């Protein structure tokens, strides 16, 4: 039986880290990709090793093609053929209206949130598709409820980037369905992660949780559970689909 090998982008913190830890518990060898947060990524790897699992931290900027090629090569060198990919790396910038945003901001957000997943999906398909001699696999894209809701007054550019990710999920799922690859997405809502501080409001979830029908924010672990289900054989007939992990919002 082939080893289960999972590459997770942006896995040093938040949803990515929670997914890495849960995947290791479920028998995956995990490649923990990070961009700048080396210590945090190495802490995730250390926790996996402490639990008897296999993991490796690899620095790479997903918006950089050379970095992505090296990331996939190092993954294969360490653990063998890739069987799963989670496109989790994503950024947002300070809350503001679209008419206050700069071109540079849009280029940064779209480079990481759209070009990054495109590059990683391309490399994963080249390795997993039966058309290329692979054995199949699964991809889960970490989108956002913002793709449905638009994030008016805060992050319209981020929401637009996640809308692009949703479309990529549907299109690629149909493109590679007959080649042994399933492509699905999760759409988290207000989740307690460090990402909100990047937008200038660390306490954002507590401010907005009353807008959620369940009247609370979500935990990264709750999103990780949905991701791991989509990666698993339990979801063997699901592709091009979405799980909203947003408390009913």
Protein backbone atom coordinates (compact mmCIF):
# COMPACT_ATOMS: atom_id res chain seq x y z
CA UNK A 1 0.00 0.00 0.00
CA UNK A 2 1.27 3.48 -0.89
CA UNK A 3 2.23 5.84 1.88
CA UNK A 4 -0.16 8.74 2.42
CA UNK A 5 1.84 11.91 1.76
CA UNK A 6 0.27 15.33 2.30
CA UNK A 7 1.71 18.72 1.40
CA UNK A 8 0.07 21.66 3.19
CA UNK A 9 0.92 25.22 2.19
CA UNK A 10 0.98 27.88 4.90
CA UNK A 11 1.04 25.26 7.63
CA UNK A 12 2.98 27.10 10.34
CA UNK A 13 -0.11 28.43 12.12
CA UNK A 14 -3.90 28.46 12.26
CA UNK A 15 -5.87 26.13 10.01
CA UNK A 16 -2.74 24.83 8.26
CA UNK A 17 -1.06 23.83 11.51
CA UNK A 18 -4.23 22.21 12.87
CA UNK A 19 -4.59 20.25 9.61
CA UNK A 20 -0.96 19.11 9.74
CA UNK A 21 -1.32 17.80 13.29
CA UNK A 22 -4.60 16.01 12.56
CA UNK A 23 -3.27 14.51 9.31
CA UNK A 24 -0.24 13.11 11.10
CA UNK A 25 -2.52 11.46 13.67
CA UNK A 26 -4.35 9.83 10.76
CA UNK A 27 -1.24 8.34 9.22
CA UNK A 28 -0.05 10.94 6.73
CA UNK A 29 3.56 11.95 6.29
CA UNK A 30 3.19 15.74 6.28
CA UNK A 31 5.16 18.43 4.47
CA UNK A 32 4.69 21.61 6.50
CA UNK A 33 5.24 24.51 4.11
CA UNK A 34 5.86 27.99 5.48
CA UNK A 35 7.04 31.32 4.09
CA UNK A 36 8.61 33.29 6.94
CA UNK A 37 7.53 31.64 10.20
CA UNK A 38 10.28 29.08 10.52
CA UNK A 39 10.12 28.62 14.30
CA UNK A 40 6.35 28.07 14.22
CA UNK A 41 6.64 25.54 11.37
CA UNK A 42 9.41 23.67 13.16
CA UNK A 43 7.26 23.57 16.30
CA UNK A 44 4.47 21.88 14.29
CA UNK A 45 6.97 19.34 12.95
CA UNK A 46 8.35 18.73 16.46
CA UNK A 47 4.82 18.10 17.77
CA UNK A 48 4.21 15.59 14.97
CA UNK A 49 7.51 13.82 15.68
CA UNK A 50 6.66 13.73 19.39
CA UNK A 51 3.46 11.89 18.50
CA UNK A 52 5.37 9.33 16.46
CA UNK A 53 4.51 10.83 13.08
CA UNK A 54 6.57 11.90 10.10
CA UNK A 55 6.88 15.51 9.02
CA UNK A 56 9.23 17.97 7.35
CA UNK A 57 9.19 21.79 7.31
CA UNK A 58 9.99 23.39 3.95
CA UNK A 59 10.30 27.14 3.37
CA UNK A 60 8.77 28.33 0.09
CA UNK A 61 6.84 31.33 -1.20
CA UNK A 62 3.90 29.79 -3.07
CA UNK A 63 3.67 32.79 -5.41
CA UNK A 64 7.22 32.06 -6.67
CA UNK A 65 7.39 29.32 -9.32
CA UNK A 66 10.99 28.38 -8.52
CA UNK A 67 10.12 28.01 -4.83
CA UNK A 68 7.08 25.86 -5.64
CA UNK A 69 9.10 23.52 -7.86
CA UNK A 70 11.67 23.11 -5.07
CA UNK A 71 8.90 22.55 -2.49
CA UNK A 72 7.43 19.66 -4.47
CA UNK A 73 10.87 18.20 -5.20
CA UNK A 74 11.83 18.25 -1.51
CA UNK A 75 8.52 16.66 -0.57
CA UNK A 76 9.06 13.80 -3.01
CA UNK A 77 12.65 13.34 -1.93
CA UNK A 78 11.65 13.06 1.72
CA UNK A 79 8.48 10.96 1.56
CA UNK A 80 7.96 9.61 -1.95
CA UNK A 81 4.97 10.18 -4.25
CA UNK A 82 2.50 12.87 -3.20
CA UNK A 83 -1.05 11.67 -2.53
CA UNK A 84 -2.69 14.83 -1.19
CA UNK A 85 -2.39 18.62 -1.35
CA UNK A 86 -4.02 21.28 0.83
CA UNK A 87 -3.81 24.79 -0.60
CA UNK A 88 -4.06 26.71 2.64
CA UNK A 89 -1.54 29.56 2.27
CA UNK A 90 -3.38 32.86 2.04
CA UNK A 91 -2.91 36.48 3.00
CA UNK A 92 -5.04 39.52 3.63
CA UNK A 93 -4.09 43.09 4.34
CA UNK A 94 -5.45 45.92 6.46
CA UNK A 95 -9.23 46.40 6.47
CA UNK A 96 -10.31 49.18 4.11
CA UNK A 97 -12.66 50.03 1.26
CA UNK A 98 -11.70 49.09 -2.27
CA UNK A 99 -11.42 52.76 -3.28
CA UNK A 100 -8.59 53.12 -0.74
CA UNK A 101 -6.58 50.09 -1.90
CA UNK A 102 -3.36 50.15 -3.89
CA UNK A 103 -2.34 48.15 -6.95
CA UNK A 104 0.59 46.75 -4.97
CA UNK A 105 -1.78 45.34 -2.37
CA UNK A 106 -3.88 43.61 -5.02
CA UNK A 107 -0.80 42.14 -6.66
CA UNK A 108 0.41 40.72 -3.34
CA UNK A 109 -2.98 39.27 -2.38
CA UNK A 110 -3.65 37.71 -5.79
CA UNK A 111 -0.10 36.37 -6.10
CA UNK A 112 -0.38 34.35 -2.90
CA UNK A 113 -4.10 33.53 -2.93
CA UNK A 114 -4.62 32.75 -6.63
CA UNK A 115 -1.28 32.22 -8.41
CA UNK A 116 -0.04 30.14 -5.46
CA UNK A 117 -2.84 27.55 -5.62
CA UNK A 118 -2.64 27.47 -9.43
CA UNK A 119 1.08 26.64 -9.28
CA UNK A 120 0.61 24.05 -6.54
CA UNK A 121 -2.35 22.41 -8.31
CA UNK A 122 -0.35 22.19 -11.53
CA UNK A 123 2.56 20.45 -9.81
CA UNK A 124 0.24 18.14 -7.87
CA UNK A 125 -1.63 17.10 -11.03
CA UNK A 126 1.64 16.37 -12.81
CA UNK A 127 2.52 13.94 -10.02
CA UNK A 128 -0.86 12.44 -9.09
CA UNK A 129 -2.77 12.16 -12.38
CA UNK A 130 -3.02 8.72 -13.95
CA UNK A 131 -2.52 10.56 -17.27
CA UNK A 132 1.02 11.33 -16.07
CA UNK A 133 1.63 7.86 -14.61
CA UNK A 134 0.49 8.77 -11.10
CA UNK A 135 -1.81 6.86 -8.77
CA UNK A 136 -4.44 9.54 -8.15
CA UNK A 137 -4.91 11.72 -5.10
CA UNK A 138 -6.91 14.49 -3.52
CA UNK A 139 -6.69 18.27 -3.36
CA UNK A 140 -8.48 20.49 -0.85
CA UNK A 141 -8.47 24.26 -1.34
CA UNK A 142 -9.00 26.46 1.70
CA UNK A 143 -11.35 29.14 0.43
CA UNK A 144 -13.46 31.39 2.66
CA UNK A 145 -17.05 32.31 3.35
CA UNK A 146 -15.85 35.69 2.03
CA UNK A 147 -16.08 34.20 -1.48
CA UNK A 148 -19.88 34.08 -1.01
CA UNK A 149 -20.29 37.19 1.14
CA UNK A 150 -17.87 39.69 -0.43
CA UNK A 151 -16.27 41.21 2.69
CA UNK A 152 -17.61 44.70 1.94
CA UNK A 153 -15.75 47.48 3.73
CA UNK A 154 -12.97 45.14 4.83
CA UNK A 155 -11.33 42.88 2.26
CA UNK A 156 -13.09 42.90 -1.09
CA UNK A 157 -9.79 41.95 -2.76
CA UNK A 158 -9.34 38.96 -0.43
CA UNK A 159 -12.94 37.88 -1.07
CA UNK A 160 -12.37 38.16 -4.84
CA UNK A 161 -9.25 36.01 -4.56
CA UNK A 162 -11.25 33.32 -2.74
CA UNK A 163 -13.97 33.54 -5.40
CA UNK A 164 -11.25 32.71 -7.93
CA UNK A 165 -10.20 29.75 -5.77
CA UNK A 166 -13.79 28.46 -5.75
CA UNK A 167 -13.88 28.60 -9.55
CA UNK A 168 -10.52 26.84 -9.76
CA UNK A 169 -11.91 24.10 -7.51
CA UNK A 170 -14.90 23.46 -9.78
CA UNK A 171 -12.98 23.63 -13.05
CA UNK A 172 -10.01 21.53 -12.01
CA UNK A 173 -12.27 18.94 -10.36
CA UNK A 174 -14.02 18.37 -13.68
CA UNK A 175 -10.76 18.42 -15.62
CA UNK A 176 -9.04 15.66 -13.62
CA UNK A 177 -11.99 13.62 -12.28
CA UNK A 178 -11.32 10.78 -14.72
CA UNK A 179 -7.61 10.80 -13.83
CA UNK A 180 -7.98 9.69 -10.22
CA UNK A 181 -7.84 13.13 -8.61
CA UNK A 182 -10.58 14.67 -6.48
CA UNK A 183 -10.59 18.45 -5.93
CA UNK A 184 -12.78 19.99 -3.22
CA UNK A 185 -12.77 23.05 -0.97
CA UNK A 186 -13.69 24.19 2.51
CA UNK A 187 -15.02 27.68 3.16
CA UNK A 188 -14.24 28.72 6.73
CA UNK A 189 -16.13 31.59 8.31
CA UNK A 190 -14.98 33.54 11.36
CA UNK A 191 -12.26 31.30 12.81
CA UNK A 192 -9.97 32.07 15.74
CA UNK A 193 -6.56 32.32 14.01
CA UNK A 194 -3.71 34.82 13.89
CA UNK A 195 -4.80 36.00 10.44
CA UNK A 196 -7.15 38.66 11.83
CA UNK A 197 -4.18 40.50 13.34
CA UNK A 198 -2.78 40.80 9.80
CA UNK A 199 -5.90 42.75 8.92
CA UNK A 200 -5.34 45.08 11.85
CA UNK A 201 -7.95 43.63 14.22
CA UNK A 202 -6.76 40.71 16.37
CA UNK A 203 -10.12 40.58 18.22
CA UNK A 204 -12.25 40.58 15.07
CA UNK A 205 -13.95 37.22 15.67
CA UNK A 206 -15.26 38.29 19.08
CA UNK A 207 -16.59 41.53 17.55
CA UNK A 208 -18.51 39.82 14.75
CA UNK A 209 -19.55 36.48 16.27
CA UNK A 210 -23.07 37.77 16.97
CA UNK A 211 -23.57 37.83 13.16
CA UNK A 212 -23.09 34.04 13.10
CA UNK A 213 -26.26 31.97 13.55
CA UNK A 214 -24.39 29.70 15.98
CA UNK A 215 -23.35 32.82 17.94
CA UNK A 216 -19.66 31.91 18.14
CA UNK A 217 -16.44 31.83 16.20
CA UNK A 218 -14.98 28.57 14.95
CA UNK A 219 -11.77 26.79 15.87
CA UNK A 220 -9.02 25.80 13.43
CA UNK A 221 -9.50 22.18 14.52
CA UNK A 222 -13.11 22.26 13.26
CA UNK A 223 -11.92 23.30 9.79
CA UNK A 224 -9.15 20.67 9.87
CA UNK A 225 -11.75 17.95 10.48
CA UNK A 226 -13.62 18.96 7.32
CA UNK A 227 -10.39 19.05 5.29
CA UNK A 228 -9.35 15.59 6.47
CA UNK A 229 -12.77 14.19 5.59
CA UNK A 230 -12.51 15.55 2.05
CA UNK A 231 -9.04 14.04 1.70
CA UNK A 232 -10.19 10.66 2.98
CA UNK A 233 -11.71 7.66 1.21
CA UNK A 234 -14.94 8.46 3.05
CA UNK A 235 -15.35 11.29 0.50
CA UNK A 236 -14.51 9.05 -2.47
CA UNK A 237 -17.48 10.23 -4.61
CA UNK A 238 -17.13 13.92 -3.76
CA UNK A 239 -15.35 16.25 -6.15
CA UNK A 240 -15.94 19.87 -7.12
CA UNK A 241 -17.77 20.30 -3.83
CA UNK A 242 -17.62 22.69 -0.88
CA UNK A 243 -18.03 22.34 2.86
CA UNK A 244 -18.93 25.60 4.57
CA UNK A 245 -17.45 25.67 8.08
CA UNK A 246 -19.03 28.98 9.04
CA UNK A 247 -21.56 28.35 11.80
CA UNK A 248 -24.50 28.77 9.43
CA UNK A 249 -23.42 32.10 8.00
